[in-house]
């Protein structure tokens, strides 16, 4: 997208001004610009990234829907890659840990056969 309209140039300048103060993710940036759709902000930010005025400094952790939002920072820099999605077993482990029934080491179980073997050794 080439910024040809004055509104798009104005929005990109607003994005740069907002990112000068603090690092924000795409959703927070959408709220600050009073826009409806985060995907619309992504087009402006992608253009700023291609000009190396903005870069991705991190990723917000996934919430309920599992979507990660990029955190943008003003200036040149190496953009961080999006982390790999978690496996279903990792998600379930985190879920049960949050519920308070996390993975615990099993209690030692008494082995009745061990007692029988000891008795046989004593008799012999």
PDB file of N, CA and C in Angstrom:
ATOM      1  N   UNK A   1       0.838  -1.173   0.000  1.00  0.00           N
ATOM      2  CA  UNK A   1       0.000   0.000   0.000  1.00  0.00           C
ATOM      3  C   UNK A   1       0.884   1.237   0.000  1.00  0.00           C
ATOM      4  N   UNK A   2       0.675   2.090  -0.979  1.00  0.00           N
ATOM      5  CA  UNK A   2       1.409   3.339  -1.019  1.00  0.00           C
ATOM      6  C   UNK A   2       0.560   4.438  -0.388  1.00  0.00           C
ATOM      7  N   UNK A   3       1.159   5.213   0.493  1.00  0.00           N
ATOM      8  CA  UNK A   3       0.367   6.272   1.128  1.00  0.00           C
ATOM      9  C   UNK A   3       0.182   7.452   0.179  1.00  0.00           C
ATOM     10  N   UNK A   4      -0.952   7.472  -0.502  1.00  0.00           N
ATOM     11  CA  UNK A   4      -1.214   8.559  -1.434  1.00  0.00           C
ATOM     12  C   UNK A   4      -2.231   9.539  -0.888  1.00  0.00           C
ATOM     13  N   UNK A   5      -3.156   9.045  -0.091  1.00  0.00           N
ATOM     14  CA  UNK A   5      -4.173   9.918   0.462  1.00  0.00           C
ATOM     15  C   UNK A   5      -3.637  10.622   1.698  1.00  0.00           C
ATOM     16  N   UNK A   6      -4.148  11.801   1.944  1.00  0.00           N
ATOM     17  CA  UNK A   6      -3.690  12.557   3.113  1.00  0.00           C
ATOM     18  C   UNK A   6      -4.100  11.867   4.410  1.00  0.00           C
ATOM     19  N   UNK A   7      -5.247  11.141   4.393  1.00  0.00           N
ATOM     20  CA  UNK A   7      -5.669  10.444   5.612  1.00  0.00           C
ATOM     21  C   UNK A   7      -4.701   9.327   5.968  1.00  0.00           C
ATOM     22  N   UNK A   8      -4.214   8.594   4.954  1.00  0.00           N
ATOM     23  CA  UNK A   8      -3.293   7.494   5.260  1.00  0.00           C
ATOM     24  C   UNK A   8      -1.949   8.033   5.742  1.00  0.00           C
ATOM     25  N   UNK A   9      -1.491   9.126   5.165  1.00  0.00           N
ATOM     26  CA  UNK A   9      -0.247   9.745   5.632  1.00  0.00           C
ATOM     27  C   UNK A   9      -0.415  10.249   7.058  1.00  0.00           C
ATOM     28  N   UNK A  10      -1.578  10.838   7.325  1.00  0.00           N
ATOM     29  CA  UNK A  10      -1.859  11.335   8.678  1.00  0.00           C
ATOM     30  C   UNK A  10      -1.891  10.184   9.678  1.00  0.00           C
ATOM     31  N   UNK A  11      -2.526   9.069   9.309  1.00  0.00           N
ATOM     32  CA  UNK A  11      -2.603   7.918  10.220  1.00  0.00           C
ATOM     33  C   UNK A  11      -1.224   7.330  10.489  1.00  0.00           C
ATOM     34  N   UNK A  12      -0.391   7.259   9.476  1.00  0.00           N
ATOM     35  CA  UNK A  12       0.954   6.722   9.689  1.00  0.00           C
ATOM     36  C   UNK A  12       1.777   7.644  10.575  1.00  0.00           C
ATOM     37  N   UNK A  13       1.602   8.943  10.433  1.00  0.00           N
ATOM     38  CA  UNK A  13       2.286   9.879  11.331  1.00  0.00           C
ATOM     39  C   UNK A  13       1.772   9.744  12.756  1.00  0.00           C
ATOM     40  N   UNK A  14       0.473   9.519  12.897  1.00  0.00           N
ATOM     41  CA  UNK A  14      -0.092   9.295  14.235  1.00  0.00           C
ATOM     42  C   UNK A  14       0.474   8.017  14.851  1.00  0.00           C
ATOM     43  N   UNK A  15       0.615   6.962  14.053  1.00  0.00           N
ATOM     44  CA  UNK A  15       1.185   5.704  14.547  1.00  0.00           C
ATOM     45  C   UNK A  15       2.613   5.930  15.034  1.00  0.00           C
ATOM     46  N   UNK A  16       3.394   6.659  14.259  1.00  0.00           N
ATOM     47  CA  UNK A  16       4.777   6.928  14.665  1.00  0.00           C
ATOM     48  C   UNK A  16       4.820   7.758  15.944  1.00  0.00           C
ATOM     49  N   UNK A  17       3.926   8.762  16.074  1.00  0.00           N
ATOM     50  CA  UNK A  17       3.887   9.572  17.289  1.00  0.00           C
ATOM     51  C   UNK A  17       3.508   8.746  18.512  1.00  0.00           C
ATOM     52  N   UNK A  18       2.549   7.846  18.333  1.00  0.00           N
ATOM     53  CA  UNK A  18       2.112   6.997  19.456  1.00  0.00           C
ATOM     54  C   UNK A  18       3.229   6.043  19.860  1.00  0.00           C
ATOM     55  N   UNK A  19       3.924   5.468  18.866  1.00  0.00           N
ATOM     56  CA  UNK A  19       4.979   4.498  19.178  1.00  0.00           C
ATOM     57  C   UNK A  19       6.241   5.151  19.721  1.00  0.00           C
ATOM     58  N   UNK A  20       6.368   6.460  19.569  1.00  0.00           N
ATOM     59  CA  UNK A  20       7.507   7.155  20.185  1.00  0.00           C
ATOM     60  C   UNK A  20       7.424   7.082  21.704  1.00  0.00           C
ATOM     61  N   UNK A  21       6.200   7.139  22.237  1.00  0.00           N
ATOM     62  CA  UNK A  21       6.002   7.154  23.689  1.00  0.00           C
ATOM     63  C   UNK A  21       6.191   5.780  24.315  1.00  0.00           C
ATOM     64  N   UNK A  22       5.585   4.752  23.718  1.00  0.00           N
ATOM     65  CA  UNK A  22       5.664   3.418  24.311  1.00  0.00           C
ATOM     66  C   UNK A  22       5.428   2.356  23.256  1.00  0.00           C
ATOM     67  N   UNK A  23       5.823   1.131  23.585  1.00  0.00           N
ATOM     68  CA  UNK A  23       5.600  -0.004  22.700  1.00  0.00           C
ATOM     69  C   UNK A  23       4.158  -0.476  22.873  1.00  0.00           C
ATOM     70  N   UNK A  24       3.470  -0.720  21.774  1.00  0.00           N
ATOM     71  CA  UNK A  24       2.083  -1.161  21.823  1.00  0.00           C
ATOM     72  C   UNK A  24       1.873  -2.331  20.884  1.00  0.00           C
ATOM     73  N   UNK A  25       0.899  -3.182  21.240  1.00  0.00           N
ATOM     74  CA  UNK A  25       0.557  -4.245  20.321  1.00  0.00           C
ATOM     75  C   UNK A  25      -0.493  -3.735  19.334  1.00  0.00           C
ATOM     76  N   UNK A  26      -0.840  -4.579  18.391  1.00  0.00           N
ATOM     77  CA  UNK A  26      -1.715  -4.166  17.300  1.00  0.00           C
ATOM     78  C   UNK A  26      -3.102  -3.782  17.811  1.00  0.00           C
ATOM     79  N   UNK A  27      -3.607  -4.501  18.789  1.00  0.00           N
ATOM     80  CA  UNK A  27      -4.939  -4.201  19.335  1.00  0.00           C
ATOM     81  C   UNK A  27      -4.928  -2.874  20.079  1.00  0.00           C
ATOM     82  N   UNK A  28      -3.917  -2.625  20.894  1.00  0.00           N
ATOM     83  CA  UNK A  28      -3.824  -1.369  21.623  1.00  0.00           C
ATOM     84  C   UNK A  28      -3.654  -0.191  20.661  1.00  0.00           C
ATOM     85  N   UNK A  29      -2.901  -0.407  19.613  1.00  0.00           N
ATOM     86  CA  UNK A  29      -2.705   0.640  18.605  1.00  0.00           C
ATOM     87  C   UNK A  29      -4.027   0.958  17.906  1.00  0.00           C
ATOM     88  N   UNK A  30      -4.829  -0.056  17.649  1.00  0.00           N
ATOM     89  CA  UNK A  30      -6.143   0.146  17.045  1.00  0.00           C
ATOM     90  C   UNK A  30      -7.030   0.985  17.955  1.00  0.00           C
ATOM     91  N   UNK A  31      -6.997   0.697  19.256  1.00  0.00           N
ATOM     92  CA  UNK A  31      -7.797   1.465  20.209  1.00  0.00           C
ATOM     93  C   UNK A  31      -7.334   2.912  20.286  1.00  0.00           C
ATOM     94  N   UNK A  32      -6.028   3.127  20.280  1.00  0.00           N
ATOM     95  CA  UNK A  32      -5.488   4.491  20.359  1.00  0.00           C
ATOM     96  C   UNK A  32      -5.848   5.324  19.136  1.00  0.00           C
ATOM     97  N   UNK A  33      -5.900   4.682  17.967  1.00  0.00           N
ATOM     98  CA  UNK A  33      -6.226   5.402  16.731  1.00  0.00           C
ATOM     99  C   UNK A  33      -7.727   5.520  16.500  1.00  0.00           C
ATOM    100  N   UNK A  34      -8.534   4.941  17.417  1.00  0.00           N
ATOM    101  CA  UNK A  34     -10.005   4.956  17.308  1.00  0.00           C
ATOM    102  C   UNK A  34     -10.468   4.327  16.000  1.00  0.00           C
ATOM    103  N   UNK A  35      -9.825   3.229  15.638  1.00  0.00           N
ATOM    104  CA  UNK A  35     -10.224   2.492  14.442  1.00  0.00           C
ATOM    105  C   UNK A  35     -10.962   1.239  14.882  1.00  0.00           C
ATOM    106  N   UNK A  36     -11.707   0.661  13.959  1.00  0.00           N
ATOM    107  CA  UNK A  36     -12.537  -0.491  14.284  1.00  0.00           C
ATOM    108  C   UNK A  36     -11.798  -1.825  14.145  1.00  0.00           C
ATOM    109  N   UNK A  37     -11.023  -1.948  13.085  1.00  0.00           N
ATOM    110  CA  UNK A  37     -10.459  -3.247  12.722  1.00  0.00           C
ATOM    111  C   UNK A  37      -8.940  -3.242  12.876  1.00  0.00           C
ATOM    112  N   UNK A  38      -8.390  -4.179  13.666  1.00  0.00           N
ATOM    113  CA  UNK A  38      -6.927  -4.248  13.791  1.00  0.00           C
ATOM    114  C   UNK A  38      -6.218  -4.562  12.479  1.00  0.00           C
ATOM    115  N   UNK A  39      -6.918  -5.222  11.551  1.00  0.00           N
ATOM    116  CA  UNK A  39      -6.298  -5.542  10.260  1.00  0.00           C
ATOM    117  C   UNK A  39      -6.042  -4.285   9.430  1.00  0.00           C
ATOM    118  N   UNK A  40      -6.865  -3.254   9.647  1.00  0.00           N
ATOM    119  CA  UNK A  40      -6.645  -1.993   8.928  1.00  0.00           C
ATOM    120  C   UNK A  40      -5.361  -1.326   9.414  1.00  0.00           C
ATOM    121  N   UNK A  41      -5.105  -1.409  10.712  1.00  0.00           N
ATOM    122  CA  UNK A  41      -3.873  -0.839  11.263  1.00  0.00           C
ATOM    123  C   UNK A  41      -2.670  -1.623  10.764  1.00  0.00           C
ATOM    124  N   UNK A  42      -2.844  -2.916  10.572  1.00  0.00           N
ATOM    125  CA  UNK A  42      -1.734  -3.762  10.123  1.00  0.00           C
ATOM    126  C   UNK A  42      -1.206  -3.317   8.756  1.00  0.00           C
ATOM    127  N   UNK A  43      -2.085  -2.831   7.897  1.00  0.00           N
ATOM    128  CA  UNK A  43      -1.636  -2.371   6.574  1.00  0.00           C
ATOM    129  C   UNK A  43      -0.711  -1.165   6.705  1.00  0.00           C
ATOM    130  N   UNK A  44      -1.082  -0.238   7.586  1.00  0.00           N
ATOM    131  CA  UNK A  44      -0.238   0.938   7.792  1.00  0.00           C
ATOM    132  C   UNK A  44       1.097   0.555   8.431  1.00  0.00           C
ATOM    133  N   UNK A  45       1.027  -0.327   9.411  1.00  0.00           N
ATOM    134  CA  UNK A  45       2.247  -0.726  10.117  1.00  0.00           C
ATOM    135  C   UNK A  45       3.163  -1.527   9.187  1.00  0.00           C
ATOM    136  N   UNK A  46       2.588  -2.350   8.323  1.00  0.00           N
ATOM    137  CA  UNK A  46       3.412  -3.102   7.367  1.00  0.00           C
ATOM    138  C   UNK A  46       4.167  -2.161   6.439  1.00  0.00           C
ATOM    139  N   UNK A  47       3.510  -1.093   6.028  1.00  0.00           N
ATOM    140  CA  UNK A  47       4.196  -0.110   5.185  1.00  0.00           C
ATOM    141  C   UNK A  47       5.326   0.564   5.968  1.00  0.00           C
ATOM    142  N   UNK A  48       5.068   0.900   7.229  1.00  0.00           N
ATOM    143  CA  UNK A  48       6.115   1.518   8.057  1.00  0.00           C
ATOM    144  C   UNK A  48       7.264   0.547   8.319  1.00  0.00           C
ATOM    145  N   UNK A  49       6.940  -0.741   8.434  1.00  0.00           N
ATOM    146  CA  UNK A  49       7.989  -1.744   8.619  1.00  0.00           C
ATOM    147  C   UNK A  49       8.845  -1.879   7.366  1.00  0.00           C
ATOM    148  N   UNK A  50       8.222  -1.780   6.197  1.00  0.00           N
ATOM    149  CA  UNK A  50       8.999  -1.876   4.955  1.00  0.00           C
ATOM    150  C   UNK A  50       9.941  -0.680   4.798  1.00  0.00           C
ATOM    151  N   UNK A  51       9.570   0.458   5.365  1.00  0.00           N
ATOM    152  CA  UNK A  51      10.450   1.626   5.351  1.00  0.00           C
ATOM    153  C   UNK A  51      11.420   1.646   6.532  1.00  0.00           C
ATOM    154  N   UNK A  52      11.357   0.631   7.372  1.00  0.00           N
ATOM    155  CA  UNK A  52      12.201   0.452   8.560  1.00  0.00           C
ATOM    156  C   UNK A  52      12.045   1.599   9.552  1.00  0.00           C
ATOM    157  N   UNK A  53      10.821   2.033   9.733  1.00  0.00           N
ATOM    158  CA  UNK A  53      10.526   3.036  10.751  1.00  0.00           C
ATOM    159  C   UNK A  53       9.962   2.392  12.007  1.00  0.00           C
ATOM    160  N   UNK A  54       9.477   1.159  11.874  1.00  0.00           N
ATOM    161  CA  UNK A  54       8.870   0.416  12.973  1.00  0.00           C
ATOM    162  C   UNK A  54       9.344  -1.026  12.873  1.00  0.00           C
ATOM    163  N   UNK A  55       9.498  -1.709  14.017  1.00  0.00           N
ATOM    164  CA  UNK A  55       9.809  -3.136  13.999  1.00  0.00           C
ATOM    165  C   UNK A  55       9.053  -3.841  15.119  1.00  0.00           C
ATOM    166  N   UNK A  56       8.995  -5.159  15.032  1.00  0.00           N
ATOM    167  CA  UNK A  56       8.319  -5.974  16.044  1.00  0.00           C
ATOM    168  C   UNK A  56       9.335  -6.326  17.120  1.00  0.00           C
ATOM    169  N   UNK A  57       9.040  -5.908  18.353  1.00  0.00           N
ATOM    170  CA  UNK A  57       9.985  -6.165  19.441  1.00  0.00           C
ATOM    171  C   UNK A  57       9.577  -7.376  20.282  1.00  0.00           C
ATOM    172  N   UNK A  58       8.381  -7.905  20.073  1.00  0.00           N
ATOM    173  CA  UNK A  58       7.932  -9.064  20.832  1.00  0.00           C
ATOM    174  C   UNK A  58       6.520  -9.447  20.443  1.00  0.00           C
ATOM    175  N   UNK A  59       5.986 -10.446  21.149  1.00  0.00           N
ATOM    176  CA  UNK A  59       4.635 -10.935  20.882  1.00  0.00           C
ATOM    177  C   UNK A  59       3.899 -11.086  22.195  1.00  0.00           C
ATOM    178  N   UNK A  60       2.665 -10.627  22.252  1.00  0.00           N
ATOM    179  CA  UNK A  60       1.831 -10.815  23.436  1.00  0.00           C
ATOM    180  C   UNK A  60       1.483 -12.285  23.554  1.00  0.00           C
ATOM    181  N   UNK A  61       1.431 -12.803  24.775  1.00  0.00           N
ATOM    182  CA  UNK A  61       1.050 -14.210  24.923  1.00  0.00           C
ATOM    183  C   UNK A  61      -0.390 -14.443  24.466  1.00  0.00           C
ATOM    184  N   UNK A  62      -0.656 -15.642  24.030  1.00  0.00           N
ATOM    185  CA  UNK A  62      -1.983 -15.988  23.527  1.00  0.00           C
ATOM    186  C   UNK A  62      -2.993 -15.989  24.663  1.00  0.00           C
ATOM    187  N   UNK A  63      -4.180 -15.510  24.373  1.00  0.00           N
ATOM    188  CA  UNK A  63      -5.281 -15.504  25.349  1.00  0.00           C
ATOM    189  C   UNK A  63      -6.178 -16.691  25.051  1.00  0.00           C
ATOM    190  N   UNK A  64      -7.451 -16.530  25.289  1.00  0.00           N
ATOM    191  CA  UNK A  64      -8.405 -17.620  25.143  1.00  0.00           C
ATOM    192  C   UNK A  64      -8.475 -18.125  23.707  1.00  0.00           C
ATOM    193  N   UNK A  65      -8.507 -17.213  22.744  1.00  0.00           N
ATOM    194  CA  UNK A  65      -8.648 -17.643  21.356  1.00  0.00           C
ATOM    195  C   UNK A  65      -7.329 -18.119  20.740  1.00  0.00           C
ATOM    196  N   UNK A  66      -6.223 -17.940  21.437  1.00  0.00           N
ATOM    197  CA  UNK A  66      -4.937 -18.432  20.964  1.00  0.00           C
ATOM    198  C   UNK A  66      -4.224 -17.516  19.993  1.00  0.00           C
ATOM    199  N   UNK A  67      -4.750 -16.302  19.788  1.00  0.00           N
ATOM    200  CA  UNK A  67      -4.126 -15.388  18.838  1.00  0.00           C
ATOM    201  C   UNK A  67      -3.075 -14.540  19.535  1.00  0.00           C
ATOM    202  N   UNK A  68      -1.904 -14.450  18.948  1.00  0.00           N
ATOM    203  CA  UNK A  68      -0.823 -13.622  19.485  1.00  0.00           C
ATOM    204  C   UNK A  68      -0.784 -12.306  18.719  1.00  0.00           C
ATOM    205  N   UNK A  69      -0.631 -11.198  19.449  1.00  0.00           N
ATOM    206  CA  UNK A  69      -0.549  -9.880  18.829  1.00  0.00           C
ATOM    207  C   UNK A  69       0.893  -9.418  18.816  1.00  0.00           C
ATOM    208  N   UNK A  70       1.378  -8.869  17.685  1.00  0.00           N
ATOM    209  CA  UNK A  70       2.744  -8.342  17.653  1.00  0.00           C
ATOM    210  C   UNK A  70       2.840  -7.043  18.438  1.00  0.00           C
ATOM    211  N   UNK A  71       3.977  -6.832  19.110  1.00  0.00           N
ATOM    212  CA  UNK A  71       4.237  -5.595  19.840  1.00  0.00           C
ATOM    213  C   UNK A  71       5.203  -4.779  18.979  1.00  0.00           C
ATOM    214  N   UNK A  72       4.781  -3.573  18.644  1.00  0.00           N
ATOM    215  CA  UNK A  72       5.570  -2.726  17.744  1.00  0.00           C
ATOM    216  C   UNK A  72       6.386  -1.719  18.533  1.00  0.00           C
ATOM    217  N   UNK A  73       7.567  -1.402  17.996  1.00  0.00           N
ATOM    218  CA  UNK A  73       8.464  -0.419  18.588  1.00  0.00           C
ATOM    219  C   UNK A  73       8.944   0.524  17.485  1.00  0.00           C
ATOM    220  N   UNK A  74       9.081   1.780  17.848  1.00  0.00           N
ATOM    221  CA  UNK A  74       9.530   2.791  16.900  1.00  0.00           C
ATOM    222  C   UNK A  74      11.012   2.598  16.600  1.00  0.00           C
ATOM    223  N   UNK A  75      11.414   2.820  15.349  1.00  0.00           N
ATOM    224  CA  UNK A  75      12.816   2.803  14.973  1.00  0.00           C
ATOM    225  C   UNK A  75      13.228   1.532  14.254  1.00  0.00           C
ATOM    226  N   UNK A  76      14.472   1.554  13.805  1.00  0.00           N
ATOM    227  CA  UNK A  76      15.038   0.393  13.127  1.00  0.00           C
ATOM    228  C   UNK A  76      15.322  -0.701  14.137  1.00  0.00           C
ATOM    229  N   UNK A  77      15.337  -1.898  13.649  1.00  0.00           N
ATOM    230  CA  UNK A  77      15.664  -3.023  14.507  1.00  0.00           C
ATOM    231  C   UNK A  77      15.296  -4.332  13.841  1.00  0.00           C
ATOM    232  N   UNK A  78      15.787  -5.397  14.429  1.00  0.00           N
ATOM    233  CA  UNK A  78      15.491  -6.740  13.941  1.00  0.00           C
ATOM    234  C   UNK A  78      14.133  -7.159  14.491  1.00  0.00           C
ATOM    235  N   UNK A  79      13.210  -7.500  13.617  1.00  0.00           N
ATOM    236  CA  UNK A  79      11.892  -7.948  14.051  1.00  0.00           C
ATOM    237  C   UNK A  79      11.976  -9.380  14.562  1.00  0.00           C
ATOM    238  N   UNK A  80      11.310  -9.627  15.685  1.00  0.00           N
ATOM    239  CA  UNK A  80      11.282 -10.977  16.237  1.00  0.00           C
ATOM    240  C   UNK A  80      10.259 -11.820  15.493  1.00  0.00           C
ATOM    241  N   UNK A  81      10.589 -13.079  15.343  1.00  0.00           N
ATOM    242  CA  UNK A  81       9.678 -14.002  14.679  1.00  0.00           C
ATOM    243  C   UNK A  81       8.552 -14.397  15.618  1.00  0.00           C
ATOM    244  N   UNK A  82       7.466 -14.801  15.015  1.00  0.00           N
ATOM    245  CA  UNK A  82       6.320 -15.263  15.790  1.00  0.00           C
ATOM    246  C   UNK A  82       6.655 -16.622  16.399  1.00  0.00           C
ATOM    247  N   UNK A  83       6.397 -16.801  17.713  1.00  0.00           N
ATOM    248  CA  UNK A  83       6.720 -18.090  18.327  1.00  0.00           C
ATOM    249  C   UNK A  83       5.832 -19.210  17.780  1.00  0.00           C
ATOM    250  N   UNK A  84       6.352 -20.404  17.858  1.00  0.00           N
ATOM    251  CA  UNK A  84       5.601 -21.561  17.390  1.00  0.00           C
ATOM    252  C   UNK A  84       4.383 -21.777  18.287  1.00  0.00           C
ATOM    253  N   UNK A  85       3.293 -22.280  17.714  1.00  0.00           N
ATOM    254  CA  UNK A  85       2.117 -22.559  18.546  1.00  0.00           C
ATOM    255  C   UNK A  85       2.384 -23.725  19.500  1.00  0.00           C
ATOM    256  N   UNK A  86       1.674 -23.721  20.610  1.00  0.00           N
ATOM    257  CA  UNK A  86       1.855 -24.780  21.598  1.00  0.00           C
ATOM    258  C   UNK A  86       1.109 -26.034  21.156  1.00  0.00           C
ATOM    259  N   UNK A  87       1.642 -27.171  21.585  1.00  0.00           N
ATOM    260  CA  UNK A  87       1.001 -28.444  21.274  1.00  0.00           C
ATOM    261  C   UNK A  87      -0.223 -28.618  22.166  1.00  0.00           C
ATOM    262  N   UNK A  88      -1.152 -29.483  21.776  1.00  0.00           N
ATOM    263  CA  UNK A  88      -2.320 -29.713  22.622  1.00  0.00           C
ATOM    264  C   UNK A  88      -1.971 -30.192  24.031  1.00  0.00           C
ATOM    265  N   UNK A  89      -0.918 -30.993  24.168  1.00  0.00           N
ATOM    266  CA  UNK A  89      -0.548 -31.467  25.500  1.00  0.00           C
ATOM    267  C   UNK A  89      -0.032 -30.319  26.368  1.00  0.00           C
ATOM    268  N   UNK A  90       0.711 -29.367  25.755  1.00  0.00           N
ATOM    269  CA  UNK A  90       1.171 -28.210  26.517  1.00  0.00           C
ATOM    270  C   UNK A  90      -0.009 -27.342  26.952  1.00  0.00           C
ATOM    271  N   UNK A  91      -0.992 -27.171  26.052  1.00  0.00           N
ATOM    272  CA  UNK A  91      -2.172 -26.381  26.394  1.00  0.00           C
ATOM    273  C   UNK A  91      -2.954 -27.020  27.534  1.00  0.00           C
ATOM    274  N   UNK A  92      -3.112 -28.340  27.488  1.00  0.00           N
ATOM    275  CA  UNK A  92      -3.859 -29.022  28.556  1.00  0.00           C
ATOM    276  C   UNK A  92      -3.097 -28.978  29.882  1.00  0.00           C
ATOM    277  N   UNK A  93      -1.770 -29.087  29.826  1.00  0.00           N
ATOM    278  CA  UNK A  93      -0.976 -29.006  31.040  1.00  0.00           C
ATOM    279  C   UNK A  93      -1.145 -27.631  31.694  1.00  0.00           C
ATOM    280  N   UNK A  94      -1.106 -26.566  30.870  1.00  0.00           N
ATOM    281  CA  UNK A  94      -1.302 -25.216  31.403  1.00  0.00           C
ATOM    282  C   UNK A  94      -2.715 -25.040  31.947  1.00  0.00           C
ATOM    283  N   UNK A  95      -3.700 -25.617  31.255  1.00  0.00           N
ATOM    284  CA  UNK A  95      -5.087 -25.510  31.702  1.00  0.00           C
ATOM    285  C   UNK A  95      -5.270 -26.135  33.077  1.00  0.00           C
ATOM    286  N   UNK A  96      -4.760 -27.354  33.250  1.00  0.00           N
ATOM    287  CA  UNK A  96      -4.939 -28.024  34.531  1.00  0.00           C
ATOM    288  C   UNK A  96      -4.102 -27.396  35.627  1.00  0.00           C
ATOM    289  N   UNK A  97      -2.988 -26.783  35.285  1.00  0.00           N
ATOM    290  CA  UNK A  97      -2.189 -26.064  36.269  1.00  0.00           C
ATOM    291  C   UNK A  97      -2.950 -24.834  36.753  1.00  0.00           C
ATOM    292  N   UNK A  98      -3.613 -24.132  35.824  1.00  0.00           N
ATOM    293  CA  UNK A  98      -4.433 -22.976  36.222  1.00  0.00           C
ATOM    294  C   UNK A  98      -5.596 -23.400  37.106  1.00  0.00           C
ATOM    295  N   UNK A  99      -6.157 -24.570  36.834  1.00  0.00           N
ATOM    296  CA  UNK A  99      -7.280 -25.066  37.622  1.00  0.00           C
ATOM    297  C   UNK A  99      -6.842 -25.586  38.995  1.00  0.00           C
ATOM    298  N   UNK A 100      -5.550 -25.686  39.221  1.00  0.00           N
ATOM    299  CA  UNK A 100      -5.064 -26.168  40.511  1.00  0.00           C
ATOM    300  C   UNK A 100      -4.880 -27.661  40.573  1.00  0.00           C
ATOM    301  N   UNK A 101      -5.034 -28.316  39.448  1.00  0.00           N
ATOM    302  CA  UNK A 101      -4.838 -29.764  39.412  1.00  0.00           C
ATOM    303  C   UNK A 101      -3.672 -30.101  38.494  1.00  0.00           C
ATOM    304  N   UNK A 102      -2.591 -29.378  38.683  1.00  0.00           N
ATOM    305  CA  UNK A 102      -1.443 -29.532  37.815  1.00  0.00           C
ATOM    306  C   UNK A 102      -0.751 -30.857  37.967  1.00  0.00           C
ATOM    307  N   UNK A 103       0.242 -31.080  37.166  1.00  0.00           N
ATOM    308  CA  UNK A 103       1.010 -32.321  37.174  1.00  0.00           C
ATOM    309  C   UNK A 103       1.809 -32.403  38.467  1.00  0.00           C
ATOM    310  N   UNK A 104       1.584 -33.445  39.194  1.00  0.00           N
ATOM    311  CA  UNK A 104       2.332 -33.677  40.431  1.00  0.00           C
ATOM    312  C   UNK A 104       3.041 -35.021  40.324  1.00  0.00           C
ATOM    313  N   UNK A 105       4.110 -35.166  41.087  1.00  0.00           N
ATOM    314  CA  UNK A 105       4.789 -36.453  41.126  1.00  0.00           C
ATOM    315  C   UNK A 105       3.883 -37.442  41.846  1.00  0.00           C
ATOM    316  N   UNK A 106       3.706 -38.605  41.285  1.00  0.00           N
ATOM    317  CA  UNK A 106       2.823 -39.568  41.938  1.00  0.00           C
ATOM    318  C   UNK A 106       3.411 -40.040  43.264  1.00  0.00           C
ATOM    319  N   UNK A 107       2.532 -40.292  44.205  1.00  0.00           N
ATOM    320  CA  UNK A 107       2.970 -40.789  45.508  1.00  0.00           C
ATOM    321  C   UNK A 107       3.498 -42.210  45.342  1.00  0.00           C
ATOM    322  N   UNK A 108       4.500 -42.562  46.109  1.00  0.00           N
ATOM    323  CA  UNK A 108       5.019 -43.928  45.992  1.00  0.00           C
ATOM    324  C   UNK A 108       3.943 -44.941  46.391  1.00  0.00           C
ATOM    325  N   UNK A 109       3.796 -45.947  45.560  1.00  0.00           N
ATOM    326  CA  UNK A 109       2.778 -46.969  45.799  1.00  0.00           C
ATOM    327  C   UNK A 109       3.467 -48.191  46.414  1.00  0.00           C
ATOM    328  N   UNK A 110       2.850 -48.690  47.448  1.00  0.00           N
ATOM    329  CA  UNK A 110       3.403 -49.890  48.086  1.00  0.00           C
ATOM    330  C   UNK A 110       3.225 -51.065  47.139  1.00  0.00           C
ATOM    331  N   UNK A 111       4.273 -51.826  46.983  1.00  0.00           N
ATOM    332  CA  UNK A 111       4.242 -52.975  46.083  1.00  0.00           C
ATOM    333  C   UNK A 111       4.025 -54.239  46.927  1.00  0.00           C
ATOM    334  N   UNK A 112       2.857 -54.869  46.826  1.00  0.00           N
ATOM    335  CA  UNK A 112       2.617 -56.077  47.642  1.00  0.00           C
ATOM    336  C   UNK A 112       3.514 -57.235  47.244  1.00  0.00           C
ATOM    337  N   UNK A 113       3.949 -57.243  45.983  1.00  0.00           N
ATOM    338  CA  UNK A 113       4.813 -58.340  45.555  1.00  0.00           C
ATOM    339  C   UNK A 113       6.196 -58.234  46.185  1.00  0.00           C
ATOM    340  N   UNK A 114       6.629 -57.003  46.456  1.00  0.00           N
ATOM    341  CA  UNK A 114       7.923 -56.828  47.101  1.00  0.00           C
ATOM    342  C   UNK A 114       7.934 -57.475  48.484  1.00  0.00           C
ATOM    343  N   UNK A 115       6.819 -57.365  49.195  1.00  0.00           N
ATOM    344  CA  UNK A 115       6.716 -57.976  50.522  1.00  0.00           C
ATOM    345  C   UNK A 115       6.758 -59.496  50.394  1.00  0.00           C
ATOM    346  N   UNK A 116       6.079 -60.045  49.396  1.00  0.00           N
ATOM    347  CA  UNK A 116       6.073 -61.493  49.193  1.00  0.00           C
ATOM    348  C   UNK A 116       7.467 -62.016  48.861  1.00  0.00           C
ATOM    349  N   UNK A 117       8.198 -61.280  48.036  1.00  0.00           N
ATOM    350  CA  UNK A 117       9.551 -61.706  47.693  1.00  0.00           C
ATOM    351  C   UNK A 117      10.454 -61.692  48.915  1.00  0.00           C
ATOM    352  N   UNK A 118      10.279 -60.712  49.787  1.00  0.00           N
ATOM    353  CA  UNK A 118      11.100 -60.640  50.994  1.00  0.00           C
ATOM    354  C   UNK A 118      10.782 -61.811  51.922  1.00  0.00           C
ATOM    355  N   UNK A 119       9.500 -62.142  52.008  1.00  0.00           N
ATOM    356  CA  UNK A 119       9.116 -63.291  52.835  1.00  0.00           C
ATOM    357  C   UNK A 119       9.703 -64.581  52.302  1.00  0.00           C
ATOM    358  N   UNK A 120       9.704 -64.758  50.990  1.00  0.00           N
ATOM    359  CA  UNK A 120      10.268 -65.970  50.404  1.00  0.00           C
ATOM    360  C   UNK A 120      11.769 -66.040  50.651  1.00  0.00           C
ATOM    361  N   UNK A 121      12.461 -64.871  50.587  1.00  0.00           N
ATOM    362  CA  UNK A 121      13.888 -64.859  50.841  1.00  0.00           C
ATOM    363  C   UNK A 121      14.184 -65.197  52.294  1.00  0.00           C
ATOM    364  N   UNK A 122      13.333 -64.762  53.206  1.00  0.00           N
ATOM    365  CA  UNK A 122      13.551 -65.057  54.626  1.00  0.00           C
ATOM    366  C   UNK A 122      13.352 -66.528  54.915  1.00  0.00           C
ATOM    367  N   UNK A 123      12.412 -67.187  54.217  1.00  0.00           N
ATOM    368  CA  UNK A 123      12.142 -68.594  54.445  1.00  0.00           C
ATOM    369  C   UNK A 123      13.247 -69.478  53.880  1.00  0.00           C
ATOM    370  N   UNK A 124      13.896 -68.995  52.836  1.00  0.00           N
ATOM    371  CA  UNK A 124      14.889 -69.840  52.199  1.00  0.00           C
ATOM    372  C   UNK A 124      16.187 -69.881  52.944  1.00  0.00           C
TER     373      UNK A 124
END
